């Protein structure tokens, strides 16, 4: 049995997993969840993912959910350098992963949530909240600039999952009119973002997992 990725082709978290599959050369079958029919809240879905969220994977009967955990599992199973070896290198890697989750995701994800998701479901975007997210994100990116002025990627000189984790929400910022990753105001952030976002793996899934 091959790897099944249960999610949505436009879901940022689903694409977080699919880009890692592309990096590792892992074939997968995308099983699309129909939100309009409430499939993500069905008893069968909740049996696999008790929070009713996407994605999860079915790897020959082995179920894993939470996109970052899935990505770690795939690297550990299939190998590669996206998780570095060695205690110190792994510490820097986990530090970089924590940076993404605590200092990027809530704010970079919060902007498209207001400007794209809310209108899609018929709600009104909160412009004040958008500006708060943008202000906080810009301050956080100053920290990124300091890190990336000393090394090529967030965890060191080699790309890791920590860098790839930024791709789904980072790619939506410009579409929302917030070009902070690409505007050159932080040259090392811009250099890093162009490097990561131009990878063939991301180009293959950026428009759909």
Protein backbone atom coordinates (compact mmCIF):
# COMPACT_ATOMS: atom_id res chain seq x y z
CA UNK A 1 0.00 0.00 0.00
CA UNK A 2 1.28 3.45 -0.90
CA UNK A 3 1.19 6.63 1.13
CA UNK A 4 -2.20 8.34 1.28
CA UNK A 5 -2.36 12.03 2.14
CA UNK A 6 -5.83 12.89 3.35
CA UNK A 7 -6.48 16.60 3.06
CA UNK A 8 -7.21 19.37 0.58
CA UNK A 9 -5.09 20.49 -2.37
CA UNK A 10 -5.40 24.15 -1.33
CA UNK A 11 -4.81 23.58 2.38
CA UNK A 12 -1.55 25.15 3.63
CA UNK A 13 -0.95 22.30 6.06
CA UNK A 14 -1.62 19.69 3.38
CA UNK A 15 0.89 21.42 1.11
CA UNK A 16 3.39 21.49 3.98
CA UNK A 17 3.36 17.70 3.81
CA UNK A 18 3.26 17.44 0.02
CA UNK A 19 6.34 19.65 -0.44
CA UNK A 20 8.31 17.32 1.83
CA UNK A 21 7.06 14.32 -0.15
CA UNK A 22 8.37 16.01 -3.29
CA UNK A 23 11.70 16.78 -1.62
CA UNK A 24 12.10 13.14 -0.64
CA UNK A 25 10.72 11.69 -3.86
CA UNK A 26 7.89 9.91 -2.06
CA UNK A 27 4.89 9.11 -4.27
CA UNK A 28 1.55 9.72 -2.59
CA UNK A 29 -2.15 9.63 -3.30
CA UNK A 30 -4.05 12.77 -2.33
CA UNK A 31 -7.43 11.83 -0.88
CA UNK A 32 -9.49 15.02 -0.94
CA UNK A 33 -11.73 15.83 2.02
CA UNK A 34 -15.01 17.52 1.06
CA UNK A 35 -15.60 20.25 3.63
CA UNK A 36 -18.92 21.21 2.09
CA UNK A 37 -20.24 17.78 3.09
CA UNK A 38 -18.68 17.94 6.53
CA UNK A 39 -16.44 14.95 5.84
CA UNK A 40 -13.82 16.29 8.25
CA UNK A 41 -16.35 15.98 11.09
CA UNK A 42 -17.70 12.57 10.16
CA UNK A 43 -17.27 9.67 12.60
CA UNK A 44 -14.98 7.88 10.13
CA UNK A 45 -12.69 10.91 9.83
CA UNK A 46 -12.70 11.64 13.57
CA UNK A 47 -11.67 8.05 14.21
CA UNK A 48 -8.42 8.84 12.41
CA UNK A 49 -8.07 12.54 13.32
CA UNK A 50 -9.94 13.28 16.57
CA UNK A 51 -9.73 17.06 16.10
CA UNK A 52 -11.41 17.04 12.70
CA UNK A 53 -8.52 18.82 11.00
CA UNK A 54 -6.43 18.14 7.93
CA UNK A 55 -4.20 16.58 6.91
CA UNK A 56 -3.40 13.13 8.15
CA UNK A 57 -1.56 10.33 6.41
CA UNK A 58 -2.27 6.65 6.07
CA UNK A 59 1.02 4.89 5.44
CA UNK A 60 0.03 1.29 4.91
CA UNK A 61 -2.34 1.46 7.87
CA UNK A 62 -0.11 3.62 10.07
CA UNK A 63 -1.91 6.88 10.83
CA UNK A 64 -0.18 10.15 11.69
CA UNK A 65 -1.74 13.61 11.93
CA UNK A 66 -0.36 17.14 12.49
CA UNK A 67 1.58 18.33 9.45
CA UNK A 68 4.91 18.96 11.15
CA UNK A 69 4.83 15.57 12.87
CA UNK A 70 4.02 13.93 9.55
CA UNK A 71 6.99 15.65 7.92
CA UNK A 72 9.35 14.50 10.66
CA UNK A 73 8.04 10.95 10.33
CA UNK A 74 8.60 10.92 6.58
CA UNK A 75 12.19 12.12 6.89
CA UNK A 76 12.96 9.65 9.66
CA UNK A 77 11.51 6.82 7.59
CA UNK A 78 12.92 7.72 4.20
CA UNK A 79 16.17 9.42 5.17
CA UNK A 80 17.80 12.58 3.90
CA UNK A 81 19.31 15.68 5.44
CA UNK A 82 16.13 17.63 6.18
CA UNK A 83 16.62 16.59 9.81
CA UNK A 84 20.33 16.94 10.59
CA UNK A 85 22.43 14.43 12.47
CA UNK A 86 24.31 15.12 15.69
CA UNK A 87 23.23 16.56 19.02
CA UNK A 88 24.23 20.16 18.38
CA UNK A 89 22.89 20.20 14.83
CA UNK A 90 19.59 18.72 15.99
CA UNK A 91 19.37 21.31 18.76
CA UNK A 92 19.77 24.09 16.18
CA UNK A 93 17.19 22.36 14.01
CA UNK A 94 14.64 22.15 16.83
CA UNK A 95 15.38 25.78 17.68
CA UNK A 96 14.60 26.75 14.07
CA UNK A 97 11.40 24.69 14.12
CA UNK A 98 10.32 26.46 17.29
CA UNK A 99 11.06 29.82 15.69
CA UNK A 100 8.74 29.01 12.80
CA UNK A 101 5.94 27.75 15.00
CA UNK A 102 6.07 30.54 17.62
CA UNK A 103 7.35 33.57 15.72
CA UNK A 104 6.05 33.08 12.18
CA UNK A 105 3.05 30.79 11.83
CA UNK A 106 0.56 32.63 14.12
CA UNK A 107 1.09 35.94 12.33
CA UNK A 108 1.84 34.86 8.75
CA UNK A 109 -1.12 32.50 9.01
CA UNK A 110 -3.34 35.06 10.71
CA UNK A 111 -3.21 37.49 7.80
CA UNK A 112 -4.63 35.13 5.14
CA UNK A 113 -7.07 33.79 7.71
CA UNK A 114 -8.60 37.26 7.92
CA UNK A 115 -8.26 38.29 4.29
CA UNK A 116 -8.87 34.99 2.47
CA UNK A 117 -10.56 32.43 4.69
CA UNK A 118 -13.11 34.68 6.38
CA UNK A 119 -14.50 36.12 3.14
CA UNK A 120 -14.61 32.62 1.69
CA UNK A 121 -16.98 31.48 4.46
CA UNK A 122 -18.99 34.68 4.34
CA UNK A 123 -17.42 36.47 7.29
CA UNK A 124 -15.95 39.97 7.40
CA UNK A 125 -12.20 40.38 7.74
CA UNK A 126 -10.98 42.25 10.80
CA UNK A 127 -8.66 44.92 9.36
CA UNK A 128 -7.37 45.87 12.80
CA UNK A 129 -6.36 42.28 13.44
CA UNK A 130 -4.62 42.15 10.06
CA UNK A 131 -2.53 45.19 10.92
CA UNK A 132 -1.68 43.75 14.33
CA UNK A 133 -0.48 40.53 12.71
CA UNK A 134 1.52 42.48 10.11
CA UNK A 135 3.18 44.67 12.73
CA UNK A 136 4.13 41.69 14.88
CA UNK A 137 5.37 39.69 11.89
CA UNK A 138 7.58 42.56 10.75
CA UNK A 139 9.15 42.76 14.20
CA UNK A 140 9.74 39.00 14.19
CA UNK A 141 11.37 39.19 10.76
CA UNK A 142 13.96 41.55 12.19
CA UNK A 143 15.06 38.59 14.29
CA UNK A 144 15.11 36.40 11.19
CA UNK A 145 17.37 38.95 9.49
CA UNK A 146 19.89 38.69 12.32
CA UNK A 147 19.94 34.91 12.15
CA UNK A 148 20.16 34.78 8.37
CA UNK A 149 22.95 37.35 8.26
CA UNK A 150 25.16 34.69 9.86
CA UNK A 151 24.08 31.55 8.03
CA UNK A 152 22.32 30.44 4.86
CA UNK A 153 19.30 28.78 6.45
CA UNK A 154 17.51 28.96 9.79
CA UNK A 155 19.26 25.94 11.29
CA UNK A 156 22.67 26.44 9.66
CA UNK A 157 24.22 26.06 6.24
CA UNK A 158 21.91 23.31 4.98
CA UNK A 159 18.19 23.48 4.31
CA UNK A 160 15.98 21.61 6.78
CA UNK A 161 12.31 21.03 7.46
CA UNK A 162 12.33 24.23 9.50
CA UNK A 163 12.80 26.28 6.33
CA UNK A 164 10.24 24.30 4.34
CA UNK A 165 7.64 24.68 7.10
CA UNK A 166 7.42 28.41 6.21
CA UNK A 167 6.38 27.87 2.61
CA UNK A 168 2.58 27.44 2.77
CA UNK A 169 1.74 30.57 4.76
CA UNK A 170 4.73 32.58 3.58
CA UNK A 171 3.57 32.16 -0.01
CA UNK A 172 0.15 33.63 0.84
CA UNK A 173 1.50 36.87 2.28
CA UNK A 174 2.20 38.55 -1.06
CA UNK A 175 -1.23 37.48 -2.30
CA UNK A 176 -2.66 39.34 0.69
CA UNK A 177 -0.68 42.49 -0.13
CA UNK A 178 2.01 41.91 2.48
CA UNK A 179 5.27 41.50 0.60
CA UNK A 180 7.53 41.59 3.65
CA UNK A 181 9.48 38.47 2.69
CA UNK A 182 10.35 39.70 -0.79
CA UNK A 183 10.54 43.48 -0.66
CA UNK A 184 14.29 43.63 0.02
CA UNK A 185 13.94 45.59 3.25
CA UNK A 186 15.68 42.68 4.95
CA UNK A 187 18.16 41.46 2.34
CA UNK A 188 19.02 38.21 4.06
CA UNK A 189 15.37 37.32 4.59
CA UNK A 190 14.69 38.07 0.92
CA UNK A 191 17.68 36.02 -0.20
CA UNK A 192 16.56 33.09 1.99
CA UNK A 193 12.94 33.28 0.91
CA UNK A 194 13.78 33.37 -2.81
CA UNK A 195 16.04 30.35 -2.30
CA UNK A 196 13.48 28.29 -0.40
CA UNK A 197 10.39 29.26 -2.41
CA UNK A 198 12.07 28.60 -5.76
CA UNK A 199 12.81 24.96 -5.00
CA UNK A 200 11.31 22.53 -7.55
CA UNK A 201 9.50 20.71 -4.73
CA UNK A 202 7.53 23.84 -3.83
CA UNK A 203 6.94 24.84 -7.42
CA UNK A 204 5.33 21.44 -7.91
CA UNK A 205 2.75 21.91 -5.13
CA UNK A 206 2.41 25.66 -4.60
CA UNK A 207 -0.86 25.75 -6.54
CA UNK A 208 -2.22 22.51 -5.13
CA UNK A 209 -1.01 19.49 -3.23
